[in-house]
Amino acid sequence: MGAHTGNRRCSPSTSTARRRTRPPASSAAAAARRPSSPTTKPISKDDAAEGKARTKQACSRRRDMEVRRKMEVLRRLVPSGSGRGGDDEVDELLLRAAGYIARLQAQVTVMQFMVDVLEDTKH
């Protein structure tokens, strides 16, 4: 929305500014009668930064949990990958997985060659 047209609705930028500051009281007696609202508490830059930091931490925790879950699945798939450990074991597990995949590829190649040889002898 653009400029103020007399309507009570404002653009998002003015509505956030309105939430952050308390309107001035017309008199001390009126201010005393008015109940304080928790939504009119000013939001400081520190509060906003703290909220962003908490969000980043939550995303990081979620990502870490996902990586841990996938590493557990990989430990179950790779032979002799049943041990549990820290970062050093992660590197070791990934190297074992790479070697295992290479061995599986070699086995598939050998089996395909065997199938081709057996088919040629049939004819």
PDB file of N, CA and C in Angstrom:
ATOM      1  N   MET A   1       0.841  -1.178   0.000  1.00  0.00           N
ATOM      2  CA  MET A   1       0.000   0.000   0.000  1.00  0.00           C
ATOM      3  C   MET A   1       0.879   1.232   0.000  1.00  0.00           C
ATOM      4  N   GLY A   2       0.405   2.280  -0.521  1.00  0.00           N
ATOM      5  CA  GLY A   2       1.196   3.495  -0.663  1.00  0.00           C
ATOM      6  C   GLY A   2       0.995   4.458   0.487  1.00  0.00           C
ATOM      7  N   ALA A   3       0.694   5.694   0.133  1.00  0.00           N
ATOM      8  CA  ALA A   3       0.549   6.754   1.130  1.00  0.00           C
ATOM      9  C   ALA A   3      -0.698   6.525   1.963  1.00  0.00           C
ATOM     10  N   HIS A   4      -0.724   7.179   3.105  1.00  0.00           N
ATOM     11  CA  HIS A   4      -1.840   7.040   4.032  1.00  0.00           C
ATOM     12  C   HIS A   4      -3.063   7.716   3.421  1.00  0.00           C
ATOM     13  N   THR A   5      -4.170   6.994   3.349  1.00  0.00           N
ATOM     14  CA  THR A   5      -5.374   7.516   2.689  1.00  0.00           C
ATOM     15  C   THR A   5      -6.496   7.823   3.661  1.00  0.00           C
ATOM     16  N   GLY A   6      -6.197   7.835   4.953  1.00  0.00           N
ATOM     17  CA  GLY A   6      -7.252   8.095   5.913  1.00  0.00           C
ATOM     18  C   GLY A   6      -7.858   6.816   6.442  1.00  0.00           C
ATOM     19  N   ASN A   7      -7.624   5.727   5.766  1.00  0.00           N
ATOM     20  CA  ASN A   7      -8.084   4.426   6.209  1.00  0.00           C
ATOM     21  C   ASN A   7      -7.230   3.997   7.399  1.00  0.00           C
ATOM     22  N   ARG A   8      -7.734   3.176   8.275  1.00  0.00           N
ATOM     23  CA  ARG A   8      -6.980   2.737   9.442  1.00  0.00           C
ATOM     24  C   ARG A   8      -5.857   1.787   9.072  1.00  0.00           C
ATOM     25  N   ARG A   9      -5.944   1.134   7.930  1.00  0.00           N
ATOM     26  CA  ARG A   9      -4.894   0.205   7.512  1.00  0.00           C
ATOM     27  C   ARG A   9      -3.689   0.982   7.028  1.00  0.00           C
ATOM     28  N   CYS A  10      -2.514   0.442   7.358  1.00  0.00           N
ATOM     29  CA  CYS A  10      -1.273   1.077   6.942  1.00  0.00           C
ATOM     30  C   CYS A  10      -0.423   0.061   6.207  1.00  0.00           C
ATOM     31  N   SER A  11       0.590   0.555   5.562  1.00  0.00           N
ATOM     32  CA  SER A  11       1.520  -0.356   4.888  1.00  0.00           C
ATOM     33  C   SER A  11       2.266  -1.153   5.933  1.00  0.00           C
ATOM     34  N   PRO A  12       2.837  -2.295   5.558  1.00  0.00           N
ATOM     35  CA  PRO A  12       3.548  -3.135   6.515  1.00  0.00           C
ATOM     36  C   PRO A  12       4.660  -2.390   7.251  1.00  0.00           C
ATOM     37  N   SER A  13       5.337  -1.470   6.574  1.00  0.00           N
ATOM     38  CA  SER A  13       6.427  -0.760   7.247  1.00  0.00           C
ATOM     39  C   SER A  13       5.908   0.140   8.356  1.00  0.00           C
ATOM     40  N   THR A  14       4.748   0.793   8.154  1.00  0.00           N
ATOM     41  CA  THR A  14       4.224   1.644   9.213  1.00  0.00           C
ATOM     42  C   THR A  14       3.562   0.826  10.310  1.00  0.00           C
ATOM     43  N   SER A  15       3.018  -0.346   9.968  1.00  0.00           N
ATOM     44  CA  SER A  15       2.379  -1.149  11.015  1.00  0.00           C
ATOM     45  C   SER A  15       3.411  -1.748  11.950  1.00  0.00           C
ATOM     46  N   THR A  16       4.597  -2.122  11.440  1.00  0.00           N
ATOM     47  CA  THR A  16       5.626  -2.641  12.336  1.00  0.00           C
ATOM     48  C   THR A  16       6.183  -1.532  13.201  1.00  0.00           C
ATOM     49  N   ALA A  17       6.273  -0.323  12.638  1.00  0.00           N
ATOM     50  CA  ALA A  17       6.749   0.794  13.449  1.00  0.00           C
ATOM     51  C   ALA A  17       5.747   1.091  14.559  1.00  0.00           C
ATOM     52  N   ARG A  18       4.467   0.971  14.265  1.00  0.00           N
ATOM     53  CA  ARG A  18       3.434   1.224  15.265  1.00  0.00           C
ATOM     54  C   ARG A  18       3.502   0.199  16.382  1.00  0.00           C
ATOM     55  N   ARG A  19       3.791  -1.059  16.070  1.00  0.00           N
ATOM     56  CA  ARG A  19       3.878  -2.089  17.100  1.00  0.00           C
ATOM     57  C   ARG A  19       5.088  -1.885  18.000  1.00  0.00           C
ATOM     58  N   ARG A  20       6.115  -1.288  17.493  1.00  0.00           N
ATOM     59  CA  ARG A  20       7.353  -1.156  18.259  1.00  0.00           C
ATOM     60  C   ARG A  20       7.333  -0.001  19.250  1.00  0.00           C
ATOM     61  N   THR A  21       6.482   0.956  19.049  1.00  0.00           N
ATOM     62  CA  THR A  21       6.448   2.111  19.956  1.00  0.00           C
ATOM     63  C   THR A  21       5.066   2.263  20.546  1.00  0.00           C
ATOM     64  N   ARG A  22       5.030   2.763  21.747  1.00  0.00           N
ATOM     65  CA  ARG A  22       3.763   3.001  22.434  1.00  0.00           C
ATOM     66  C   ARG A  22       3.293   4.414  22.096  1.00  0.00           C
ATOM     67  N   PRO A  23       2.017   4.597  21.763  1.00  0.00           N
ATOM     68  CA  PRO A  23       1.520   5.936  21.460  1.00  0.00           C
ATOM     69  C   PRO A  23       1.553   6.799  22.721  1.00  0.00           C
ATOM     70  N   PRO A  24       1.798   8.098  22.574  1.00  0.00           N
ATOM     71  CA  PRO A  24       1.869   8.968  23.749  1.00  0.00           C
ATOM     72  C   PRO A  24       0.513   9.080  24.450  1.00  0.00           C
ATOM     73  N   ALA A  25       0.537   9.098  25.778  1.00  0.00           N
ATOM     74  CA  ALA A  25      -0.703   9.234  26.552  1.00  0.00           C
ATOM     75  C   ALA A  25      -1.134  10.687  26.547  1.00  0.00           C
ATOM     76  N   SER A  26      -2.449  10.922  26.504  1.00  0.00           N
ATOM     77  CA  SER A  26      -2.947  12.295  26.479  1.00  0.00           C
ATOM     78  C   SER A  26      -2.819  12.940  27.850  1.00  0.00           C
ATOM     79  N   SER A  27      -2.880  12.113  28.902  1.00  0.00           N
ATOM     80  CA  SER A  27      -2.681  12.656  30.244  1.00  0.00           C
ATOM     81  C   SER A  27      -2.171  11.541  31.140  1.00  0.00           C
ATOM     82  N   ALA A  28      -1.658  11.886  32.274  1.00  0.00           N
ATOM     83  CA  ALA A  28      -1.134  10.893  33.212  1.00  0.00           C
ATOM     84  C   ALA A  28      -2.263   9.998  33.719  1.00  0.00           C
ATOM     85  N   ALA A  29      -3.462  10.573  33.920  1.00  0.00           N
ATOM     86  CA  ALA A  29      -4.595   9.790  34.412  1.00  0.00           C
ATOM     87  C   ALA A  29      -5.033   8.768  33.355  1.00  0.00           C
ATOM     88  N   ALA A  30      -5.016   9.159  32.090  1.00  0.00           N
ATOM     89  CA  ALA A  30      -5.406   8.244  31.028  1.00  0.00           C
ATOM     90  C   ALA A  30      -4.389   7.112  30.914  1.00  0.00           C
ATOM     91  N   ALA A  31      -3.131   7.432  31.111  1.00  0.00           N
ATOM     92  CA  ALA A  31      -2.083   6.413  31.046  1.00  0.00           C
ATOM     93  C   ALA A  31      -2.221   5.426  32.199  1.00  0.00           C
ATOM     94  N   ALA A  32      -2.617   5.899  33.365  1.00  0.00           N
ATOM     95  CA  ALA A  32      -2.778   5.025  34.524  1.00  0.00           C
ATOM     96  C   ALA A  32      -3.966   4.084  34.336  1.00  0.00           C
ATOM     97  N   ARG A  33      -5.015   4.545  33.676  1.00  0.00           N
ATOM     98  CA  ARG A  33      -6.191   3.708  33.458  1.00  0.00           C
ATOM     99  C   ARG A  33      -5.977   2.683  32.354  1.00  0.00           C
ATOM    100  N   ARG A  34      -5.109   2.989  31.393  1.00  0.00           N
ATOM    101  CA  ARG A  34      -4.902   2.114  30.252  1.00  0.00           C
ATOM    102  C   ARG A  34      -4.112   0.878  30.677  1.00  0.00           C
ATOM    103  N   PRO A  35      -4.640  -0.330  30.405  1.00  0.00           N
ATOM    104  CA  PRO A  35      -3.881  -1.532  30.745  1.00  0.00           C
ATOM    105  C   PRO A  35      -2.678  -1.670  29.812  1.00  0.00           C
ATOM    106  N   SER A  36      -1.576  -2.135  30.376  1.00  0.00           N
ATOM    107  CA  SER A  36      -0.390  -2.324  29.532  1.00  0.00           C
ATOM    108  C   SER A  36      -0.553  -3.612  28.734  1.00  0.00           C
ATOM    109  N   SER A  37      -0.151  -3.563  27.491  1.00  0.00           N
ATOM    110  CA  SER A  37      -0.283  -4.709  26.603  1.00  0.00           C
ATOM    111  C   SER A  37       1.105  -5.272  26.310  1.00  0.00           C
ATOM    112  N   PRO A  38       1.264  -6.601  26.375  1.00  0.00           N
ATOM    113  CA  PRO A  38       2.582  -7.175  26.099  1.00  0.00           C
ATOM    114  C   PRO A  38       3.009  -7.010  24.644  1.00  0.00           C
ATOM    115  N   THR A  39       2.078  -6.736  23.725  1.00  0.00           N
ATOM    116  CA  THR A  39       2.440  -6.597  22.315  1.00  0.00           C
ATOM    117  C   THR A  39       3.056  -5.239  22.018  1.00  0.00           C
ATOM    118  N   THR A  40       2.966  -4.283  22.945  1.00  0.00           N
ATOM    119  CA  THR A  40       3.522  -2.962  22.688  1.00  0.00           C
ATOM    120  C   THR A  40       4.949  -2.828  23.192  1.00  0.00           C
ATOM    121  N   LYS A  41       5.528  -3.914  23.693  1.00  0.00           N
ATOM    122  CA  LYS A  41       6.909  -3.874  24.173  1.00  0.00           C
ATOM    123  C   LYS A  41       7.828  -3.605  22.987  1.00  0.00           C
ATOM    124  N   PRO A  42       8.715  -2.662  23.111  1.00  0.00           N
ATOM    125  CA  PRO A  42       9.629  -2.368  22.002  1.00  0.00           C
ATOM    126  C   PRO A  42      10.538  -3.561  21.707  1.00  0.00           C
ATOM    127  N   ILE A  43      10.810  -3.767  20.435  1.00  0.00           N
ATOM    128  CA  ILE A  43      11.692  -4.842  20.015  1.00  0.00           C
ATOM    129  C   ILE A  43      13.057  -4.228  19.735  1.00  0.00           C
ATOM    130  N   SER A  44      14.032  -4.642  20.496  1.00  0.00           N
ATOM    131  CA  SER A  44      15.366  -4.083  20.299  1.00  0.00           C
ATOM    132  C   SER A  44      16.102  -4.860  19.234  1.00  0.00           C
ATOM    133  N   LYS A  45      17.190  -4.274  18.749  1.00  0.00           N
ATOM    134  CA  LYS A  45      18.019  -4.946  17.757  1.00  0.00           C
ATOM    135  C   LYS A  45      18.634  -6.203  18.348  1.00  0.00           C
ATOM    136  N   ASP A  46      18.966  -6.150  19.649  1.00  0.00           N
ATOM    137  CA  ASP A  46      19.532  -7.320  20.318  1.00  0.00           C
ATOM    138  C   ASP A  46      18.534  -8.470  20.341  1.00  0.00           C
ATOM    139  N   ASP A  47      17.244  -8.155  20.608  1.00  0.00           N
ATOM    140  CA  ASP A  47      16.206  -9.195  20.616  1.00  0.00           C
ATOM    141  C   ASP A  47      16.059  -9.825  19.234  1.00  0.00           C
ATOM    142  N   ALA A  48      16.083  -8.991  18.204  1.00  0.00           N
ATOM    143  CA  ALA A  48      15.952  -9.504  16.840  1.00  0.00           C
ATOM    144  C   ALA A  48      17.149 -10.377  16.479  1.00  0.00           C
ATOM    145  N   ALA A  49      18.344  -9.931  16.843  1.00  0.00           N
ATOM    146  CA  ALA A  49      19.551 -10.714  16.554  1.00  0.00           C
ATOM    147  C   ALA A  49      19.539 -12.028  17.324  1.00  0.00           C
ATOM    148  N   GLU A  50      19.046 -11.968  18.572  1.00  0.00           N
ATOM    149  CA  GLU A  50      18.959 -13.187  19.385  1.00  0.00           C
ATOM    150  C   GLU A  50      17.974 -14.175  18.765  1.00  0.00           C
ATOM    151  N   GLY A  51      16.877 -13.677  18.243  1.00  0.00           N
ATOM    152  CA  GLY A  51      15.891 -14.538  17.586  1.00  0.00           C
ATOM    153  C   GLY A  51      16.472 -15.183  16.338  1.00  0.00           C
ATOM    154  N   LYS A  52      17.229 -14.413  15.565  1.00  0.00           N
ATOM    155  CA  LYS A  52      17.868 -14.967  14.363  1.00  0.00           C
ATOM    156  C   LYS A  52      18.896 -16.014  14.741  1.00  0.00           C
ATOM    157  N   ALA A  53      19.641 -15.766  15.824  1.00  0.00           N
ATOM    158  CA  ALA A  53      20.652 -16.728  16.279  1.00  0.00           C
ATOM    159  C   ALA A  53      19.981 -18.027  16.716  1.00  0.00           C
ATOM    160  N   ARG A  54      18.852 -17.919  17.424  1.00  0.00           N
ATOM    161  CA  ARG A  54      18.130 -19.121  17.843  1.00  0.00           C
ATOM    162  C   ARG A  54      17.623 -19.904  16.638  1.00  0.00           C
ATOM    163  N   THR A  55      17.140 -19.197  15.619  1.00  0.00           N
ATOM    164  CA  THR A  55      16.664 -19.855  14.408  1.00  0.00           C
ATOM    165  C   THR A  55      17.811 -20.567  13.709  1.00  0.00           C
ATOM    166  N   LYS A  56      18.971 -19.906  13.621  1.00  0.00           N
ATOM    167  CA  LYS A  56      20.139 -20.536  13.004  1.00  0.00           C
ATOM    168  C   LYS A  56      20.550 -21.777  13.773  1.00  0.00           C
ATOM    169  N   GLN A  57      20.533 -21.696  15.106  1.00  0.00           N
ATOM    170  CA  GLN A  57      20.904 -22.848  15.932  1.00  0.00           C
ATOM    171  C   GLN A  57      19.925 -23.995  15.713  1.00  0.00           C
ATOM    172  N   ALA A  58      18.647 -23.691  15.624  1.00  0.00           N
ATOM    173  CA  ALA A  58      17.650 -24.734  15.402  1.00  0.00           C
ATOM    174  C   ALA A  58      17.865 -25.399  14.042  1.00  0.00           C
ATOM    175  N   CYS A  59      18.155 -24.609  13.014  1.00  0.00           N
ATOM    176  CA  CYS A  59      18.417 -25.170  11.683  1.00  0.00           C
ATOM    177  C   CYS A  59      19.678 -26.021  11.711  1.00  0.00           C
ATOM    178  N   SER A  60      20.686 -25.542  12.417  1.00  0.00           N
ATOM    179  CA  SER A  60      21.938 -26.288  12.509  1.00  0.00           C
ATOM    180  C   SER A  60      21.722 -27.608  13.234  1.00  0.00           C
ATOM    181  N   ARG A  61      20.954 -27.578  14.328  1.00  0.00           N
ATOM    182  CA  ARG A  61      20.655 -28.818  15.059  1.00  0.00           C
ATOM    183  C   ARG A  61      19.893 -29.798  14.187  1.00  0.00           C
ATOM    184  N   ARG A  62      18.916 -29.288  13.438  1.00  0.00           N
ATOM    185  CA  ARG A  62      18.121 -30.136  12.564  1.00  0.00           C
ATOM    186  C   ARG A  62      19.002 -30.765  11.486  1.00  0.00           C
ATOM    187  N   ARG A  63      19.903 -29.971  10.909  1.00  0.00           N
ATOM    188  CA  ARG A  63      20.810 -30.474   9.879  1.00  0.00           C
ATOM    189  C   ARG A  63      21.756 -31.519  10.469  1.00  0.00           C
ATOM    190  N   ASP A  64      22.277 -31.250  11.673  1.00  0.00           N
ATOM    191  CA  ASP A  64      23.157 -32.218  12.342  1.00  0.00           C
ATOM    192  C   ASP A  64      22.439 -33.535  12.609  1.00  0.00           C
ATOM    193  N   MET A  65      21.186 -33.461  13.050  1.00  0.00           N
ATOM    194  CA  MET A  65      20.424 -34.683  13.306  1.00  0.00           C
ATOM    195  C   MET A  65      20.208 -35.463  12.012  1.00  0.00           C
ATOM    196  N   GLU A  66      19.948 -34.767  10.923  1.00  0.00           N
ATOM    197  CA  GLU A  66      19.753 -35.425   9.635  1.00  0.00           C
ATOM    198  C   GLU A  66      21.042 -36.107   9.182  1.00  0.00           C
ATOM    199  N   VAL A  67      22.177 -35.441   9.357  1.00  0.00           N
ATOM    200  CA  VAL A  67      23.463 -36.040   8.983  1.00  0.00           C
ATOM    201  C   VAL A  67      23.740 -37.264   9.844  1.00  0.00           C
ATOM    202  N   ARG A  68      23.481 -37.168  11.155  1.00  0.00           N
ATOM    203  CA  ARG A  68      23.691 -38.320  12.037  1.00  0.00           C
ATOM    204  C   ARG A  68      22.838 -39.511  11.621  1.00  0.00           C
ATOM    205  N   ARG A  69      21.579 -39.240  11.266  1.00  0.00           N
ATOM    206  CA  ARG A  69      20.672 -40.308  10.842  1.00  0.00           C
ATOM    207  C   ARG A  69      21.189 -40.976   9.575  1.00  0.00           C
ATOM    208  N   LYS A  70      21.645 -40.184   8.624  1.00  0.00           N
ATOM    209  CA  LYS A  70      22.153 -40.750   7.378  1.00  0.00           C
ATOM    210  C   LYS A  70      23.449 -41.517   7.608  1.00  0.00           C
ATOM    211  N   MET A  71      24.283 -41.045   8.531  1.00  0.00           N
ATOM    212  CA  MET A  71      25.522 -41.761   8.842  1.00  0.00           C
ATOM    213  C   MET A  71      25.209 -43.107   9.488  1.00  0.00           C
ATOM    214  N   GLU A  72      24.179 -43.166  10.318  1.00  0.00           N
ATOM    215  CA  GLU A  72      23.778 -44.449  10.917  1.00  0.00           C
ATOM    216  C   GLU A  72      23.320 -45.428   9.842  1.00  0.00           C
ATOM    217  N   VAL A  73      22.571 -44.937   8.865  1.00  0.00           N
ATOM    218  CA  VAL A  73      22.128 -45.791   7.763  1.00  0.00           C
ATOM    219  C   VAL A  73      23.344 -46.289   6.994  1.00  0.00           C
ATOM    220  N   LEU A  74      24.308 -45.418   6.740  1.00  0.00           N
ATOM    221  CA  LEU A  74      25.519 -45.814   6.019  1.00  0.00           C
ATOM    222  C   LEU A  74      26.324 -46.836   6.812  1.00  0.00           C
ATOM    223  N   ARG A  75      26.391 -46.676   8.136  1.00  0.00           N
ATOM    224  CA  ARG A  75      27.103 -47.649   8.981  1.00  0.00           C
ATOM    225  C   ARG A  75      26.497 -49.040   8.854  1.00  0.00           C
ATOM    226  N   ARG A  76      25.155 -49.086   8.749  1.00  0.00           N
ATOM    227  CA  ARG A  76      24.493 -50.387   8.615  1.00  0.00           C
ATOM    228  C   ARG A  76      24.709 -50.999   7.245  1.00  0.00           C
ATOM    229  N   LEU A  77      24.873 -50.180   6.218  1.00  0.00           N
ATOM    230  CA  LEU A  77      25.027 -50.682   4.853  1.00  0.00           C
ATOM    231  C   LEU A  77      26.446 -51.143   4.538  1.00  0.00           C
ATOM    232  N   VAL A  78      27.425 -50.437   5.084  1.00  0.00           N
ATOM    233  CA  VAL A  78      28.824 -50.733   4.767  1.00  0.00           C
ATOM    234  C   VAL A  78      29.333 -51.818   5.712  1.00  0.00           C
ATOM    235  N   PRO A  79      29.940 -52.868   5.164  1.00  0.00           N
ATOM    236  CA  PRO A  79      30.486 -53.924   6.030  1.00  0.00           C
ATOM    237  C   PRO A  79      31.527 -53.356   6.990  1.00  0.00           C
ATOM    238  N   SER A  80      31.518 -53.867   8.213  1.00  0.00           N
ATOM    239  CA  SER A  80      32.391 -53.445   9.319  1.00  0.00           C
ATOM    240  C   SER A  80      32.240 -51.968   9.627  1.00  0.00           C
ATOM    241  N   GLY A  81      31.081 -51.433   9.372  1.00  0.00           N
ATOM    242  CA  GLY A  81      30.810 -50.036   9.683  1.00  0.00           C
ATOM    243  C   GLY A  81      29.880 -49.904  10.863  1.00  0.00           C
ATOM    244  N   SER A  82      29.940 -50.851  11.788  1.00  0.00           N
ATOM    245  CA  SER A  82      28.991 -50.851  12.901  1.00  0.00           C
ATOM    246  C   SER A  82      29.475 -50.038  14.092  1.00  0.00           C
ATOM    247  N   GLY A  83      30.738 -49.600  14.092  1.00  0.00           N
ATOM    248  CA  GLY A  83      31.263 -48.847  15.232  1.00  0.00           C
ATOM    249  C   GLY A  83      30.652 -47.464  15.322  1.00  0.00           C
ATOM    250  N   ARG A  84      30.734 -46.880  16.494  1.00  0.00           N
ATOM    251  CA  ARG A  84      30.214 -45.533  16.713  1.00  0.00           C
ATOM    252  C   ARG A  84      31.372 -44.652  17.147  1.00  0.00           C
ATOM    253  N   GLY A  85      31.373 -43.423  16.730  1.00  0.00           N
ATOM    254  CA  GLY A  85      32.458 -42.549  17.139  1.00  0.00           C
ATOM    255  C   GLY A  85      32.253 -41.126  16.682  1.00  0.00           C
ATOM    256  N   GLY A  86      33.346 -40.381  16.676  1.00  0.00           N
ATOM    257  CA  GLY A  86      33.286 -38.959  16.372  1.00  0.00           C
ATOM    258  C   GLY A  86      33.644 -38.640  14.939  1.00  0.00           C
ATOM    259  N   ASP A  87      34.276 -37.479  14.755  1.00  0.00           N
ATOM    260  CA  ASP A  87      34.601 -36.979  13.424  1.00  0.00           C
ATOM    261  C   ASP A  87      35.612 -37.868  12.711  1.00  0.00           C
ATOM    262  N   ASP A  88      36.590 -38.422  13.445  1.00  0.00           N
ATOM    263  CA  ASP A  88      37.577 -39.287  12.807  1.00  0.00           C
ATOM    264  C   ASP A  88      36.911 -40.506  12.195  1.00  0.00           C
ATOM    265  N   GLU A  89      35.912 -41.031  12.888  1.00  0.00           N
ATOM    266  CA  GLU A  89      35.221 -42.195  12.352  1.00  0.00           C
ATOM    267  C   GLU A  89      34.389 -41.836  11.128  1.00  0.00           C
ATOM    268  N   VAL A  90      33.913 -40.610  11.050  1.00  0.00           N
ATOM    269  CA  VAL A  90      33.140 -40.185   9.889  1.00  0.00           C
ATOM    270  C   VAL A  90      34.011 -40.276   8.643  1.00  0.00           C
ATOM    271  N   ASP A  91      35.229 -39.757   8.726  1.00  0.00           N
ATOM    272  CA  ASP A  91      36.142 -39.840   7.581  1.00  0.00           C
ATOM    273  C   ASP A  91      36.422 -41.294   7.224  1.00  0.00           C
ATOM    274  N   GLU A  92      36.666 -42.106   8.250  1.00  0.00           N
ATOM    275  CA  GLU A  92      36.946 -43.522   8.028  1.00  0.00           C
ATOM    276  C   GLU A  92      35.745 -44.215   7.392  1.00  0.00           C
ATOM    277  N   LEU A  93      34.550 -43.913   7.878  1.00  0.00           N
ATOM    278  CA  LEU A  93      33.339 -44.525   7.336  1.00  0.00           C
ATOM    279  C   LEU A  93      33.141 -44.140   5.872  1.00  0.00           C
ATOM    280  N   LEU A  94      33.369 -42.878   5.563  1.00  0.00           N
ATOM    281  CA  LEU A  94      33.204 -42.433   4.178  1.00  0.00           C
ATOM    282  C   LEU A  94      34.226 -43.104   3.259  1.00  0.00           C
ATOM    283  N   LEU A  95      35.448 -43.284   3.732  1.00  0.00           N
ATOM    284  CA  LEU A  95      36.463 -43.989   2.932  1.00  0.00           C
ATOM    285  C   LEU A  95      36.085 -45.457   2.734  1.00  0.00           C
ATOM    286  N   ARG A  96      35.592 -46.094   3.795  1.00  0.00           N
ATOM    287  CA  ARG A  96      35.147 -47.499   3.672  1.00  0.00           C
ATOM    288  C   ARG A  96      33.987 -47.606   2.695  1.00  0.00           C
ATOM    289  N   ALA A  97      33.066 -46.639   2.758  1.00  0.00           N
ATOM    290  CA  ALA A  97      31.909 -46.656   1.855  1.00  0.00           C
ATOM    291  C   ALA A  97      32.359 -46.488   0.410  1.00  0.00           C
ATOM    292  N   ALA A  98      33.315 -45.595   0.170  1.00  0.00           N
ATOM    293  CA  ALA A  98      33.820 -45.396  -1.193  1.00  0.00           C
ATOM    294  C   ALA A  98      34.475 -46.675  -1.714  1.00  0.00           C
ATOM    295  N   GLY A  99      35.281 -47.328  -0.869  1.00  0.00           N
ATOM    296  CA  GLY A  99      35.910 -48.587  -1.267  1.00  0.00           C
ATOM    297  C   GLY A  99      34.886 -49.669  -1.534  1.00  0.00           C
ATOM    298  N   TYR A 100      33.873 -49.731  -0.695  1.00  0.00           N
ATOM    299  CA  TYR A 100      32.816 -50.735  -0.847  1.00  0.00           C
ATOM    300  C   TYR A 100      32.073 -50.534  -2.165  1.00  0.00           C
ATOM    301  N   ILE A 101      31.780 -49.282  -2.489  1.00  0.00           N
ATOM    302  CA  ILE A 101      31.076 -48.983  -3.748  1.00  0.00           C
ATOM    303  C   ILE A 101      31.943 -49.392  -4.937  1.00  0.00           C
ATOM    304  N   ALA A 102      33.243 -49.114  -4.854  1.00  0.00           N
ATOM    305  CA  ALA A 102      34.147 -49.505  -5.949  1.00  0.00           C
ATOM    306  C   ALA A 102      34.172 -51.025  -6.111  1.00  0.00           C
ATOM    307  N   ARG A 103      34.196 -51.761  -4.989  1.00  0.00           N
ATOM    308  CA  ARG A 103      34.183 -53.236  -5.069  1.00  0.00           C
ATOM    309  C   ARG A 103      32.874 -53.747  -5.659  1.00  0.00           C
ATOM    310  N   LEU A 104      31.769 -53.139  -5.273  1.00  0.00           N
ATOM    311  CA  LEU A 104      30.471 -53.541  -5.839  1.00  0.00           C
ATOM    312  C   LEU A 104      30.425 -53.293  -7.342  1.00  0.00           C
ATOM    313  N   GLN A 105      30.954 -52.155  -7.774  1.00  0.00           N
ATOM    314  CA  GLN A 105      30.987 -51.864  -9.208  1.00  0.00           C
ATOM    315  C   GLN A 105      31.828 -52.898  -9.951  1.00  0.00           C
ATOM    316  N   ALA A 106      32.955 -53.285  -9.360  1.00  0.00           N
ATOM    317  CA  ALA A 106      33.807 -54.302  -9.993  1.00  0.00           C
ATOM    318  C   ALA A 106      33.072 -55.631 -10.069  1.00  0.00           C
ATOM    319  N   GLN A 107      32.344 -55.995  -9.026  1.00  0.00           N
ATOM    320  CA  GLN A 107      31.582 -57.251  -9.040  1.00  0.00           C
ATOM    321  C   GLN A 107      30.512 -57.233 -10.127  1.00  0.00           C
ATOM    322  N   VAL A 108      29.839 -56.108 -10.256  1.00  0.00           N
ATOM    323  CA  VAL A 108      28.802 -55.994 -11.288  1.00  0.00           C
ATOM    324  C   VAL A 108      29.432 -56.131 -12.669  1.00  0.00           C
ATOM    325  N   THR A 109      30.576 -55.512 -12.869  1.00  0.00           N
ATOM    326  CA  THR A 109      31.268 -55.615 -14.155  1.00  0.00           C
ATOM    327  C   THR A 109      31.639 -57.068 -14.462  1.00  0.00           C
ATOM    328  N   VAL A 110      32.191 -57.777 -13.462  1.00  0.00           N
ATOM    329  CA  VAL A 110      32.572 -59.182 -13.648  1.00  0.00           C
ATOM    330  C   VAL A 110      31.340 -60.032 -13.940  1.00  0.00           C
ATOM    331  N   MET A 111      30.256 -59.816 -13.197  1.00  0.00           N
ATOM    332  CA  MET A 111      29.034 -60.602 -13.435  1.00  0.00           C
ATOM    333  C   MET A 111      28.459 -60.323 -14.817  1.00  0.00           C
ATOM    334  N   GLN A 112      28.506 -59.070 -15.259  1.00  0.00           N
ATOM    335  CA  GLN A 112      28.005 -58.739 -16.592  1.00  0.00           C
ATOM    336  C   GLN A 112      28.853 -59.433 -17.655  1.00  0.00           C
ATOM    337  N   PHE A 113      30.169 -59.469 -17.441  1.00  0.00           N
ATOM    338  CA  PHE A 113      31.066 -60.160 -18.362  1.00  0.00           C
ATOM    339  C   PHE A 113      30.736 -61.654 -18.405  1.00  0.00           C
ATOM    340  N   MET A 114      30.476 -62.239 -17.232  1.00  0.00           N
ATOM    341  CA  MET A 114      30.122 -63.663 -17.168  1.00  0.00           C
ATOM    342  C   MET A 114      28.822 -63.941 -17.917  1.00  0.00           C
ATOM    343  N   VAL A 115      27.835 -63.078 -17.772  1.00  0.00           N
ATOM    344  CA  VAL A 115      26.571 -63.244 -18.474  1.00  0.00           C
ATOM    345  C   VAL A 115      26.808 -63.172 -19.973  1.00  0.00           C
ATOM    346  N   ASP A 116      27.621 -62.209 -20.425  1.00  0.00           N
ATOM    347  CA  ASP A 116      27.910 -62.069 -21.852  1.00  0.00           C
ATOM    348  C   ASP A 116      28.597 -63.324 -22.394  1.00  0.00           C
ATOM    349  N   VAL A 117      29.551 -63.875 -21.646  1.00  0.00           N
ATOM    350  CA  VAL A 117      30.271 -65.078 -22.069  1.00  0.00           C
ATOM    351  C   VAL A 117      29.318 -66.256 -22.144  1.00  0.00           C
ATOM    352  N   LEU A 118      28.470 -66.421 -21.146  1.00  0.00           N
ATOM    353  CA  LEU A 118      27.520 -67.540 -21.140  1.00  0.00           C
ATOM    354  C   LEU A 118      26.518 -67.420 -22.272  1.00  0.00           C
ATOM    355  N   GLU A 119      26.089 -66.232 -22.607  1.00  0.00           N
ATOM    356  CA  GLU A 119      25.150 -66.043 -23.726  1.00  0.00           C
ATOM    357  C   GLU A 119      25.821 -66.375 -25.049  1.00  0.00           C
ATOM    358  N   ASP A 120      27.112 -66.034 -25.196  1.00  0.00           N
ATOM    359  CA  ASP A 120      27.818 -66.321 -26.446  1.00  0.00           C
ATOM    360  C   ASP A 120      28.025 -67.834 -26.628  1.00  0.00           C
ATOM    361  N   THR A 121      28.219 -68.580 -25.538  1.00  0.00           N
ATOM    362  CA  THR A 121      28.430 -70.015 -25.638  1.00  0.00           C
ATOM    363  C   THR A 121      27.139 -70.747 -25.954  1.00  0.00           C
ATOM    364  N   LYS A 122      26.006 -70.180 -25.660  1.00  0.00           N
ATOM    365  CA  LYS A 122      24.710 -70.789 -25.954  1.00  0.00           C
ATOM    366  C   LYS A 122      24.465 -70.842 -27.452  1.00  0.00           C
ATOM    367  N   HIS A 123      24.873 -69.879 -28.165  1.00  0.00           N
ATOM    368  CA  HIS A 123      24.551 -69.778 -29.598  1.00  0.00           C
ATOM    369  C   HIS A 123      25.399 -70.644 -30.419  1.00  0.00           C
TER     370      HIS A 123
END
